[in-house]
Amino acid sequence: MLDHLPPGTPRHVELIDGALTARPPQTVLHMRVVSLLENAIRPPAGLAVAREMTVTLGLRQRPEPDILVVEAAALHSRLTTFKPEQVHRQQPE
């Protein structure tokens, strides 16, 4: 659904509970913090940092996190969303 939106649709939308949700405009502070985080994260071999890509959690759920750590093999030019199993997260200690 998000891959085939009509012209004029806002650039940053997420699919939340089956509804298209426009993300609010970013502030300069937000942009700088995301860039700092992207540069600070040092993933282990086989993983990579990605930003502003959706994760398809289900038919009606496709959020777009600011920063993700994903399998490096998942990064290719035709990709428009990640599968949950391609996304890695830090386990709480």
PDB file of N, CA and C in Angstrom:
ATOM      1  N   MET A   1       0.817  -1.194   0.000  1.00  0.00           N
ATOM      2  CA  MET A   1       0.000   0.000   0.000  1.00  0.00           C
ATOM      3  C   MET A   1       0.863   1.261   0.000  1.00  0.00           C
ATOM      4  N   LEU A   2       1.850   1.346   0.891  1.00  0.00           N
ATOM      5  CA  LEU A   2       2.678   2.543   0.965  1.00  0.00           C
ATOM      6  C   LEU A   2       3.579   2.702  -0.249  1.00  0.00           C
ATOM      7  N   ASP A   3       3.790   1.645  -1.006  1.00  0.00           N
ATOM      8  CA  ASP A   3       4.656   1.724  -2.175  1.00  0.00           C
ATOM      9  C   ASP A   3       3.942   2.296  -3.393  1.00  0.00           C
ATOM     10  N   HIS A   4       2.629   2.428  -3.343  1.00  0.00           N
ATOM     11  CA  HIS A   4       1.858   2.861  -4.507  1.00  0.00           C
ATOM     12  C   HIS A   4       0.851   3.943  -4.130  1.00  0.00           C
ATOM     13  N   LEU A   5       1.343   5.020  -3.537  1.00  0.00           N
ATOM     14  CA  LEU A   5       0.467   6.118  -3.128  1.00  0.00           C
ATOM     15  C   LEU A   5       0.248   7.084  -4.289  1.00  0.00           C
ATOM     16  N   PRO A   6      -0.896   7.757  -4.332  1.00  0.00           N
ATOM     17  CA  PRO A   6      -1.155   8.704  -5.417  1.00  0.00           C
ATOM     18  C   PRO A   6      -0.261   9.939  -5.316  1.00  0.00           C
ATOM     19  N   PRO A   7      -0.057  10.633  -6.440  1.00  0.00           N
ATOM     20  CA  PRO A   7       0.726  11.872  -6.416  1.00  0.00           C
ATOM     21  C   PRO A   7       0.115  12.869  -5.432  1.00  0.00           C
ATOM     22  N   GLY A   8       0.966  13.651  -4.803  1.00  0.00           N
ATOM     23  CA  GLY A   8       0.504  14.649  -3.854  1.00  0.00           C
ATOM     24  C   GLY A   8       0.379  14.156  -2.429  1.00  0.00           C
ATOM     25  N   THR A   9       0.605  12.858  -2.219  1.00  0.00           N
ATOM     26  CA  THR A   9       0.572  12.309  -0.862  1.00  0.00           C
ATOM     27  C   THR A   9       1.797  12.819  -0.109  1.00  0.00           C
ATOM     28  N   PRO A  10       1.658  13.200   1.165  1.00  0.00           N
ATOM     29  CA  PRO A  10       2.829  13.639   1.925  1.00  0.00           C
ATOM     30  C   PRO A  10       3.961  12.616   1.844  1.00  0.00           C
ATOM     31  N   ARG A  11       5.196  13.112   1.843  1.00  0.00           N
ATOM     32  CA  ARG A  11       6.371  12.257   1.670  1.00  0.00           C
ATOM     33  C   ARG A  11       6.530  11.253   2.799  1.00  0.00           C
ATOM     34  N   HIS A  12       6.342  11.688   4.010  1.00  0.00           N
ATOM     35  CA  HIS A  12       6.548  10.804   5.159  1.00  0.00           C
ATOM     36  C   HIS A  12       5.203  10.421   5.764  1.00  0.00           C
ATOM     37  N   VAL A  13       4.749   9.235   5.431  1.00  0.00           N
ATOM     38  CA  VAL A  13       3.537   8.697   6.034  1.00  0.00           C
ATOM     39  C   VAL A  13       3.839   7.308   6.568  1.00  0.00           C
ATOM     40  N   GLU A  14       3.099   6.940   7.595  1.00  0.00           N
ATOM     41  CA  GLU A  14       3.211   5.613   8.185  1.00  0.00           C
ATOM     42  C   GLU A  14       1.835   4.965   8.133  1.00  0.00           C
ATOM     43  N   LEU A  15       1.818   3.652   8.102  1.00  0.00           N
ATOM     44  CA  LEU A  15       0.568   2.910   8.174  1.00  0.00           C
ATOM     45  C   LEU A  15       0.428   2.421   9.609  1.00  0.00           C
ATOM     46  N   ILE A  16      -0.507   3.010  10.347  1.00  0.00           N
ATOM     47  CA  ILE A  16      -0.719   2.675  11.750  1.00  0.00           C
ATOM     48  C   ILE A  16      -2.175   2.268  11.919  1.00  0.00           C
ATOM     49  N   ASP A  17      -2.400   1.051  12.376  1.00  0.00           N
ATOM     50  CA  ASP A  17      -3.756   0.516  12.542  1.00  0.00           C
ATOM     51  C   ASP A  17      -4.585   0.661  11.269  1.00  0.00           C
ATOM     52  N   GLY A  18      -3.950   0.500  10.119  1.00  0.00           N
ATOM     53  CA  GLY A  18      -4.646   0.548   8.843  1.00  0.00           C
ATOM     54  C   GLY A  18      -4.912   1.940   8.303  1.00  0.00           C
ATOM     55  N   ALA A  19      -4.496   2.982   9.025  1.00  0.00           N
ATOM     56  CA  ALA A  19      -4.719   4.359   8.577  1.00  0.00           C
ATOM     57  C   ALA A  19      -3.392   5.005   8.199  1.00  0.00           C
ATOM     58  N   LEU A  20      -3.393   5.770   7.104  1.00  0.00           N
ATOM     59  CA  LEU A  20      -2.202   6.528   6.742  1.00  0.00           C
ATOM     60  C   LEU A  20      -2.067   7.694   7.704  1.00  0.00           C
ATOM     61  N   THR A  21      -0.925   7.798   8.332  1.00  0.00           N
ATOM     62  CA  THR A  21      -0.660   8.838   9.317  1.00  0.00           C
ATOM     63  C   THR A  21       0.517   9.670   8.839  1.00  0.00           C
ATOM     64  N   ALA A  22       0.298  10.967   8.613  1.00  0.00           N
ATOM     65  CA  ALA A  22       1.374  11.858   8.191  1.00  0.00           C
ATOM     66  C   ALA A  22       2.255  12.178   9.389  1.00  0.00           C
ATOM     67  N   ARG A  23       3.553  12.091   9.184  1.00  0.00           N
ATOM     68  CA  ARG A  23       4.491  12.449  10.248  1.00  0.00           C
ATOM     69  C   ARG A  23       4.660  13.960  10.264  1.00  0.00           C
ATOM     70  N   PRO A  24       4.759  14.555  11.449  1.00  0.00           N
ATOM     71  CA  PRO A  24       4.940  16.009  11.506  1.00  0.00           C
ATOM     72  C   PRO A  24       6.311  16.400  10.950  1.00  0.00           C
ATOM     73  N   PRO A  25       6.455  17.645  10.495  1.00  0.00           N
ATOM     74  CA  PRO A  25       7.756  18.095   9.999  1.00  0.00           C
ATOM     75  C   PRO A  25       8.824  17.979  11.087  1.00  0.00           C
ATOM     76  N   GLN A  26      10.037  17.643  10.671  1.00  0.00           N
ATOM     77  CA  GLN A  26      11.140  17.526  11.623  1.00  0.00           C
ATOM     78  C   GLN A  26      11.663  18.905  11.991  1.00  0.00           C
ATOM     79  N   THR A  27      12.190  19.007  13.196  1.00  0.00           N
ATOM     80  CA  THR A  27      12.889  20.217  13.598  1.00  0.00           C
ATOM     81  C   THR A  27      14.372  20.036  13.283  1.00  0.00           C
ATOM     82  N   VAL A  28      15.107  21.124  13.280  1.00  0.00           N
ATOM     83  CA  VAL A  28      16.552  21.047  13.057  1.00  0.00           C
ATOM     84  C   VAL A  28      17.197  20.222  14.169  1.00  0.00           C
ATOM     85  N   LEU A  29      16.745  20.387  15.405  1.00  0.00           N
ATOM     86  CA  LEU A  29      17.295  19.607  16.513  1.00  0.00           C
ATOM     87  C   LEU A  29      17.082  18.116  16.270  1.00  0.00           C
ATOM     88  N   HIS A  30      15.891  17.738  15.880  1.00  0.00           N
ATOM     89  CA  HIS A  30      15.597  16.330  15.602  1.00  0.00           C
ATOM     90  C   HIS A  30      16.522  15.800  14.510  1.00  0.00           C
ATOM     91  N   MET A  31      16.674  16.544  13.437  1.00  0.00           N
ATOM     92  CA  MET A  31      17.538  16.138  12.333  1.00  0.00           C
ATOM     93  C   MET A  31      18.979  15.944  12.806  1.00  0.00           C
ATOM     94  N   ARG A  32      19.468  16.859  13.641  1.00  0.00           N
ATOM     95  CA  ARG A  32      20.851  16.766  14.126  1.00  0.00           C
ATOM     96  C   ARG A  32      21.032  15.580  15.061  1.00  0.00           C
ATOM     97  N   VAL A  33      20.066  15.345  15.948  1.00  0.00           N
ATOM     98  CA  VAL A  33      20.161  14.210  16.874  1.00  0.00           C
ATOM     99  C   VAL A  33      20.153  12.892  16.104  1.00  0.00           C
ATOM    100  N   VAL A  34      19.286  12.773  15.107  1.00  0.00           N
ATOM    101  CA  VAL A  34      19.241  11.551  14.298  1.00  0.00           C
ATOM    102  C   VAL A  34      20.576  11.344  13.582  1.00  0.00           C
ATOM    103  N   SER A  35      21.148  12.405  13.035  1.00  0.00           N
ATOM    104  CA  SER A  35      22.447  12.290  12.359  1.00  0.00           C
ATOM    105  C   SER A  35      23.543  11.880  13.335  1.00  0.00           C
ATOM    106  N   LEU A  36      23.541  12.468  14.531  1.00  0.00           N
ATOM    107  CA  LEU A  36      24.539  12.098  15.543  1.00  0.00           C
ATOM    108  C   LEU A  36      24.397  10.632  15.942  1.00  0.00           C
ATOM    109  N   LEU A  37      23.171  10.183  16.142  1.00  0.00           N
ATOM    110  CA  LEU A  37      22.944   8.774  16.483  1.00  0.00           C
ATOM    111  C   LEU A  37      23.391   7.850  15.360  1.00  0.00           C
ATOM    112  N   GLU A  38      23.045   8.215  14.141  1.00  0.00           N
ATOM    113  CA  GLU A  38      23.425   7.383  12.992  1.00  0.00           C
ATOM    114  C   GLU A  38      24.945   7.226  12.918  1.00  0.00           C
ATOM    115  N   ASN A  39      25.670   8.302  13.184  1.00  0.00           N
ATOM    116  CA  ASN A  39      27.132   8.255  13.130  1.00  0.00           C
ATOM    117  C   ASN A  39      27.749   7.604  14.356  1.00  0.00           C
ATOM    118  N   ALA A  40      27.042   7.612  15.487  1.00  0.00           N
ATOM    119  CA  ALA A  40      27.591   7.057  16.728  1.00  0.00           C
ATOM    120  C   ALA A  40      27.393   5.550  16.848  1.00  0.00           C
ATOM    121  N   ILE A  41      26.371   5.026  16.219  1.00  0.00           N
ATOM    122  CA  ILE A  41      26.087   3.588  16.332  1.00  0.00           C
ATOM    123  C   ILE A  41      27.112   2.813  15.524  1.00  0.00           C
ATOM    124  N   ARG A  42      27.750   1.868  16.172  1.00  0.00           N
ATOM    125  CA  ARG A  42      28.755   1.019  15.529  1.00  0.00           C
ATOM    126  C   ARG A  42      28.262  -0.421  15.577  1.00  0.00           C
ATOM    127  N   PRO A  43      27.492  -0.828  14.585  1.00  0.00           N
ATOM    128  CA  PRO A  43      26.952  -2.191  14.622  1.00  0.00           C
ATOM    129  C   PRO A  43      28.040  -3.230  14.378  1.00  0.00           C
ATOM    130  N   PRO A  44      27.862  -4.416  14.919  1.00  0.00           N
ATOM    131  CA  PRO A  44      28.830  -5.490  14.675  1.00  0.00           C
ATOM    132  C   PRO A  44      28.777  -5.950  13.215  1.00  0.00           C
ATOM    133  N   ALA A  45      29.751  -6.751  12.832  1.00  0.00           N
ATOM    134  CA  ALA A  45      29.816  -7.280  11.466  1.00  0.00           C
ATOM    135  C   ALA A  45      28.499  -7.955  11.100  1.00  0.00           C
ATOM    136  N   GLY A  46      28.065  -7.734   9.884  1.00  0.00           N
ATOM    137  CA  GLY A  46      26.825  -8.337   9.409  1.00  0.00           C
ATOM    138  C   GLY A  46      25.597  -7.482   9.626  1.00  0.00           C
ATOM    139  N   LEU A  47      25.753  -6.387  10.391  1.00  0.00           N
ATOM    140  CA  LEU A  47      24.641  -5.466  10.636  1.00  0.00           C
ATOM    141  C   LEU A  47      25.007  -4.089  10.102  1.00  0.00           C
ATOM    142  N   ALA A  48      23.995  -3.262   9.847  1.00  0.00           N
ATOM    143  CA  ALA A  48      24.216  -1.915   9.332  1.00  0.00           C
ATOM    144  C   ALA A  48      23.159  -0.973   9.897  1.00  0.00           C
ATOM    145  N   VAL A  49      23.480   0.309   9.899  1.00  0.00           N
ATOM    146  CA  VAL A  49      22.538   1.334  10.347  1.00  0.00           C
ATOM    147  C   VAL A  49      21.726   1.798   9.140  1.00  0.00           C
ATOM    148  N   ALA A  50      20.435   1.917   9.322  1.00  0.00           N
ATOM    149  CA  ALA A  50      19.547   2.440   8.286  1.00  0.00           C
ATOM    150  C   ALA A  50      18.678   3.518   8.920  1.00  0.00           C
ATOM    151  N   ARG A  51      18.166   4.407   8.106  1.00  0.00           N
ATOM    152  CA  ARG A  51      17.281   5.437   8.635  1.00  0.00           C
ATOM    153  C   ARG A  51      16.123   5.685   7.689  1.00  0.00           C
ATOM    154  N   GLU A  52      15.018   6.110   8.303  1.00  0.00           N
ATOM    155  CA  GLU A  52      13.822   6.516   7.573  1.00  0.00           C
ATOM    156  C   GLU A  52      13.328   5.454   6.593  1.00  0.00           C
ATOM    157  N   MET A  53      13.272   4.214   7.062  1.00  0.00           N
ATOM    158  CA  MET A  53      12.700   3.107   6.289  1.00  0.00           C
ATOM    159  C   MET A  53      11.607   2.473   7.143  1.00  0.00           C
ATOM    160  N   THR A  54      10.557   2.035   6.509  1.00  0.00           N
ATOM    161  CA  THR A  54       9.477   1.409   7.252  1.00  0.00           C
ATOM    162  C   THR A  54       9.805  -0.038   7.594  1.00  0.00           C
ATOM    163  N   VAL A  55       9.083  -0.543   8.588  1.00  0.00           N
ATOM    164  CA  VAL A  55       9.154  -1.950   8.983  1.00  0.00           C
ATOM    165  C   VAL A  55       7.727  -2.488   8.872  1.00  0.00           C
ATOM    166  N   THR A  56       7.532  -3.525   8.072  1.00  0.00           N
ATOM    167  CA  THR A  56       6.203  -4.098   7.900  1.00  0.00           C
ATOM    168  C   THR A  56       5.946  -5.092   9.022  1.00  0.00           C
ATOM    169  N   LEU A  57       5.162  -4.660  10.009  1.00  0.00           N
ATOM    170  CA  LEU A  57       4.841  -5.506  11.159  1.00  0.00           C
ATOM    171  C   LEU A  57       3.600  -6.353  10.903  1.00  0.00           C
ATOM    172  N   GLY A  58       2.798  -5.939   9.959  1.00  0.00           N
ATOM    173  CA  GLY A  58       1.574  -6.656   9.620  1.00  0.00           C
ATOM    174  C   GLY A  58       0.873  -5.930   8.494  1.00  0.00           C
ATOM    175  N   LEU A  59      -0.258  -6.446   8.080  1.00  0.00           N
ATOM    176  CA  LEU A  59      -1.004  -5.869   6.971  1.00  0.00           C
ATOM    177  C   LEU A  59      -1.417  -4.424   7.244  1.00  0.00           C
ATOM    178  N   ARG A  60      -1.659  -4.085   8.510  1.00  0.00           N
ATOM    179  CA  ARG A  60      -2.136  -2.748   8.868  1.00  0.00           C
ATOM    180  C   ARG A  60      -1.126  -1.955   9.687  1.00  0.00           C
ATOM    181  N   GLN A  61       0.117  -2.441   9.763  1.00  0.00           N
ATOM    182  CA  GLN A  61       1.131  -1.788  10.592  1.00  0.00           C
ATOM    183  C   GLN A  61       2.450  -1.672   9.834  1.00  0.00           C
ATOM    184  N   ARG A  62       2.849  -0.436   9.543  1.00  0.00           N
ATOM    185  CA  ARG A  62       4.121  -0.207   8.859  1.00  0.00           C
ATOM    186  C   ARG A  62       4.728   1.106   9.359  1.00  0.00           C
ATOM    187  N   PRO A  63       5.236   1.117  10.599  1.00  0.00           N
ATOM    188  CA  PRO A  63       5.826   2.337  11.149  1.00  0.00           C
ATOM    189  C   PRO A  63       7.183   2.640  10.504  1.00  0.00           C
ATOM    190  N   GLU A  64       7.611   3.880  10.650  1.00  0.00           N
ATOM    191  CA  GLU A  64       8.888   4.331  10.089  1.00  0.00           C
ATOM    192  C   GLU A  64       9.761   4.917  11.198  1.00  0.00           C
ATOM    193  N   PRO A  65      10.595   4.091  11.837  1.00  0.00           N
ATOM    194  CA  PRO A  65      11.496   4.610  12.872  1.00  0.00           C
ATOM    195  C   PRO A  65      12.548   5.543  12.262  1.00  0.00           C
ATOM    196  N   ASP A  66      13.102   6.415  13.092  1.00  0.00           N
ATOM    197  CA  ASP A  66      14.162   7.310  12.623  1.00  0.00           C
ATOM    198  C   ASP A  66      15.443   6.539  12.319  1.00  0.00           C
ATOM    199  N   ILE A  67      15.807   5.611  13.203  1.00  0.00           N
ATOM    200  CA  ILE A  67      17.066   4.856  13.084  1.00  0.00           C
ATOM    201  C   ILE A  67      16.772   3.385  13.316  1.00  0.00           C
ATOM    202  N   LEU A  68      17.408   2.540  12.523  1.00  0.00           N
ATOM    203  CA  LEU A  68      17.275   1.088  12.676  1.00  0.00           C
ATOM    204  C   LEU A  68      18.649   0.447  12.544  1.00  0.00           C
ATOM    205  N   VAL A  69      18.819  -0.677  13.200  1.00  0.00           N
ATOM    206  CA  VAL A  69      19.978  -1.534  12.951  1.00  0.00           C
ATOM    207  C   VAL A  69      19.415  -2.782  12.296  1.00  0.00           C
ATOM    208  N   VAL A  70      19.897  -3.054  11.088  1.00  0.00           N
ATOM    209  CA  VAL A  70      19.341  -4.140  10.282  1.00  0.00           C
ATOM    210  C   VAL A  70      20.452  -5.052   9.781  1.00  0.00           C
ATOM    211  N   GLU A  71      20.053  -6.212   9.281  1.00  0.00           N
ATOM    212  CA  GLU A  71      21.008  -7.103   8.639  1.00  0.00           C
ATOM    213  C   GLU A  71      21.578  -6.389   7.417  1.00  0.00           C
ATOM    214  N   ALA A  72      22.895  -6.379   7.288  1.00  0.00           N
ATOM    215  CA  ALA A  72      23.528  -5.702   6.158  1.00  0.00           C
ATOM    216  C   ALA A  72      23.043  -6.273   4.829  1.00  0.00           C
ATOM    217  N   ALA A  73      22.769  -7.562   4.797  1.00  0.00           N
ATOM    218  CA  ALA A  73      22.296  -8.201   3.564  1.00  0.00           C
ATOM    219  C   ALA A  73      20.923  -7.683   3.138  1.00  0.00           C
ATOM    220  N   ALA A  74      20.195  -7.049   4.044  1.00  0.00           N
ATOM    221  CA  ALA A  74      18.857  -6.534   3.724  1.00  0.00           C
ATOM    222  C   ALA A  74      18.919  -5.213   2.965  1.00  0.00           C
ATOM    223  N   LEU A  75      20.092  -4.602   2.915  1.00  0.00           N
ATOM    224  CA  LEU A  75      20.222  -3.303   2.251  1.00  0.00           C
ATOM    225  C   LEU A  75      20.490  -3.497   0.763  1.00  0.00           C
ATOM    226  N   HIS A  76      19.486  -3.259  -0.040  1.00  0.00           N
ATOM    227  CA  HIS A  76      19.675  -3.245  -1.486  1.00  0.00           C
ATOM    228  C   HIS A  76      18.747  -2.197  -2.080  1.00  0.00           C
ATOM    229  N   SER A  77      19.047  -1.746  -3.263  1.00  0.00           N
ATOM    230  CA  SER A  77      18.428  -0.539  -3.811  1.00  0.00           C
ATOM    231  C   SER A  77      16.921  -0.627  -4.047  1.00  0.00           C
ATOM    232  N   ARG A  78      16.367  -1.794  -4.233  1.00  0.00           N
ATOM    233  CA  ARG A  78      14.928  -1.894  -4.518  1.00  0.00           C
ATOM    234  C   ARG A  78      14.076  -2.075  -3.256  1.00  0.00           C
ATOM    235  N   LEU A  79      14.705  -2.141  -2.125  1.00  0.00           N
ATOM    236  CA  LEU A  79      14.001  -2.358  -0.870  1.00  0.00           C
ATOM    237  C   LEU A  79      13.172  -1.127  -0.502  1.00  0.00           C
ATOM    238  N   THR A  80      11.923  -1.332  -0.086  1.00  0.00           N
ATOM    239  CA  THR A  80      11.080  -0.219   0.363  1.00  0.00           C
ATOM    240  C   THR A  80      10.631  -0.381   1.805  1.00  0.00           C
ATOM    241  N   THR A  81      10.852  -1.535   2.391  1.00  0.00           N
ATOM    242  CA  THR A  81      10.479  -1.793   3.778  1.00  0.00           C
ATOM    243  C   THR A  81      11.309  -2.962   4.294  1.00  0.00           C
ATOM    244  N   PHE A  82      11.481  -3.013   5.609  1.00  0.00           N
ATOM    245  CA  PHE A  82      12.170  -4.148   6.227  1.00  0.00           C
ATOM    246  C   PHE A  82      11.147  -5.097   6.826  1.00  0.00           C
ATOM    247  N   LYS A  83      11.496  -6.361   6.881  1.00  0.00           N
ATOM    248  CA  LYS A  83      10.716  -7.351   7.611  1.00  0.00           C
ATOM    249  C   LYS A  83      11.190  -7.308   9.063  1.00  0.00           C
ATOM    250  N   PRO A  84      10.336  -7.625  10.031  1.00  0.00           N
ATOM    251  CA  PRO A  84      10.747  -7.573  11.438  1.00  0.00           C
ATOM    252  C   PRO A  84      11.993  -8.403  11.736  1.00  0.00           C
ATOM    253  N   GLU A  85      12.130  -9.551  11.085  1.00  0.00           N
ATOM    254  CA  GLU A  85      13.291 -10.403  11.364  1.00  0.00           C
ATOM    255  C   GLU A  85      14.598  -9.820  10.831  1.00  0.00           C
ATOM    256  N   GLN A  86      14.528  -8.791   9.996  1.00  0.00           N
ATOM    257  CA  GLN A  86      15.734  -8.135   9.489  1.00  0.00           C
ATOM    258  C   GLN A  86      16.206  -7.019  10.417  1.00  0.00           C
ATOM    259  N   VAL A  87      15.357  -6.628  11.360  1.00  0.00           N
ATOM    260  CA  VAL A  87      15.656  -5.525  12.274  1.00  0.00           C
ATOM    261  C   VAL A  87      16.160  -6.091  13.591  1.00  0.00           C
ATOM    262  N   HIS A  88      17.237  -5.515  14.096  1.00  0.00           N
ATOM    263  CA  HIS A  88      17.812  -5.965  15.365  1.00  0.00           C
ATOM    264  C   HIS A  88      17.619  -4.877  16.408  1.00  0.00           C
ATOM    265  N   ARG A  89      17.415  -5.309  17.646  1.00  0.00           N
ATOM    266  CA  ARG A  89      17.262  -4.341  18.726  1.00  0.00           C
ATOM    267  C   ARG A  89      18.083  -4.789  19.916  1.00  0.00           C
ATOM    268  N   GLN A  90      18.456  -3.824  20.723  1.00  0.00           N
ATOM    269  CA  GLN A  90      19.236  -4.102  21.926  1.00  0.00           C
ATOM    270  C   GLN A  90      18.330  -4.738  22.966  1.00  0.00           C
ATOM    271  N   GLN A  91      18.736  -5.864  23.469  1.00  0.00           N
ATOM    272  CA  GLN A  91      17.973  -6.523  24.528  1.00  0.00           C
ATOM    273  C   GLN A  91      18.298  -5.854  25.862  1.00  0.00           C
ATOM    274  N   PRO A  92      17.298  -5.570  26.690  1.00  0.00           N
ATOM    275  CA  PRO A  92      17.569  -4.975  28.005  1.00  0.00           C
ATOM    276  C   PRO A  92      18.378  -5.938  28.865  1.00  0.00           C
ATOM    277  N   GLU A  93      19.249  -5.359  29.657  1.00  0.00           N
ATOM    278  CA  GLU A  93      20.080  -6.190  30.547  1.00  0.00           C
ATOM    279  C   GLU A  93      19.396  -6.429  31.860  1.00  0.00           C
TER     280      GLU A  93
END
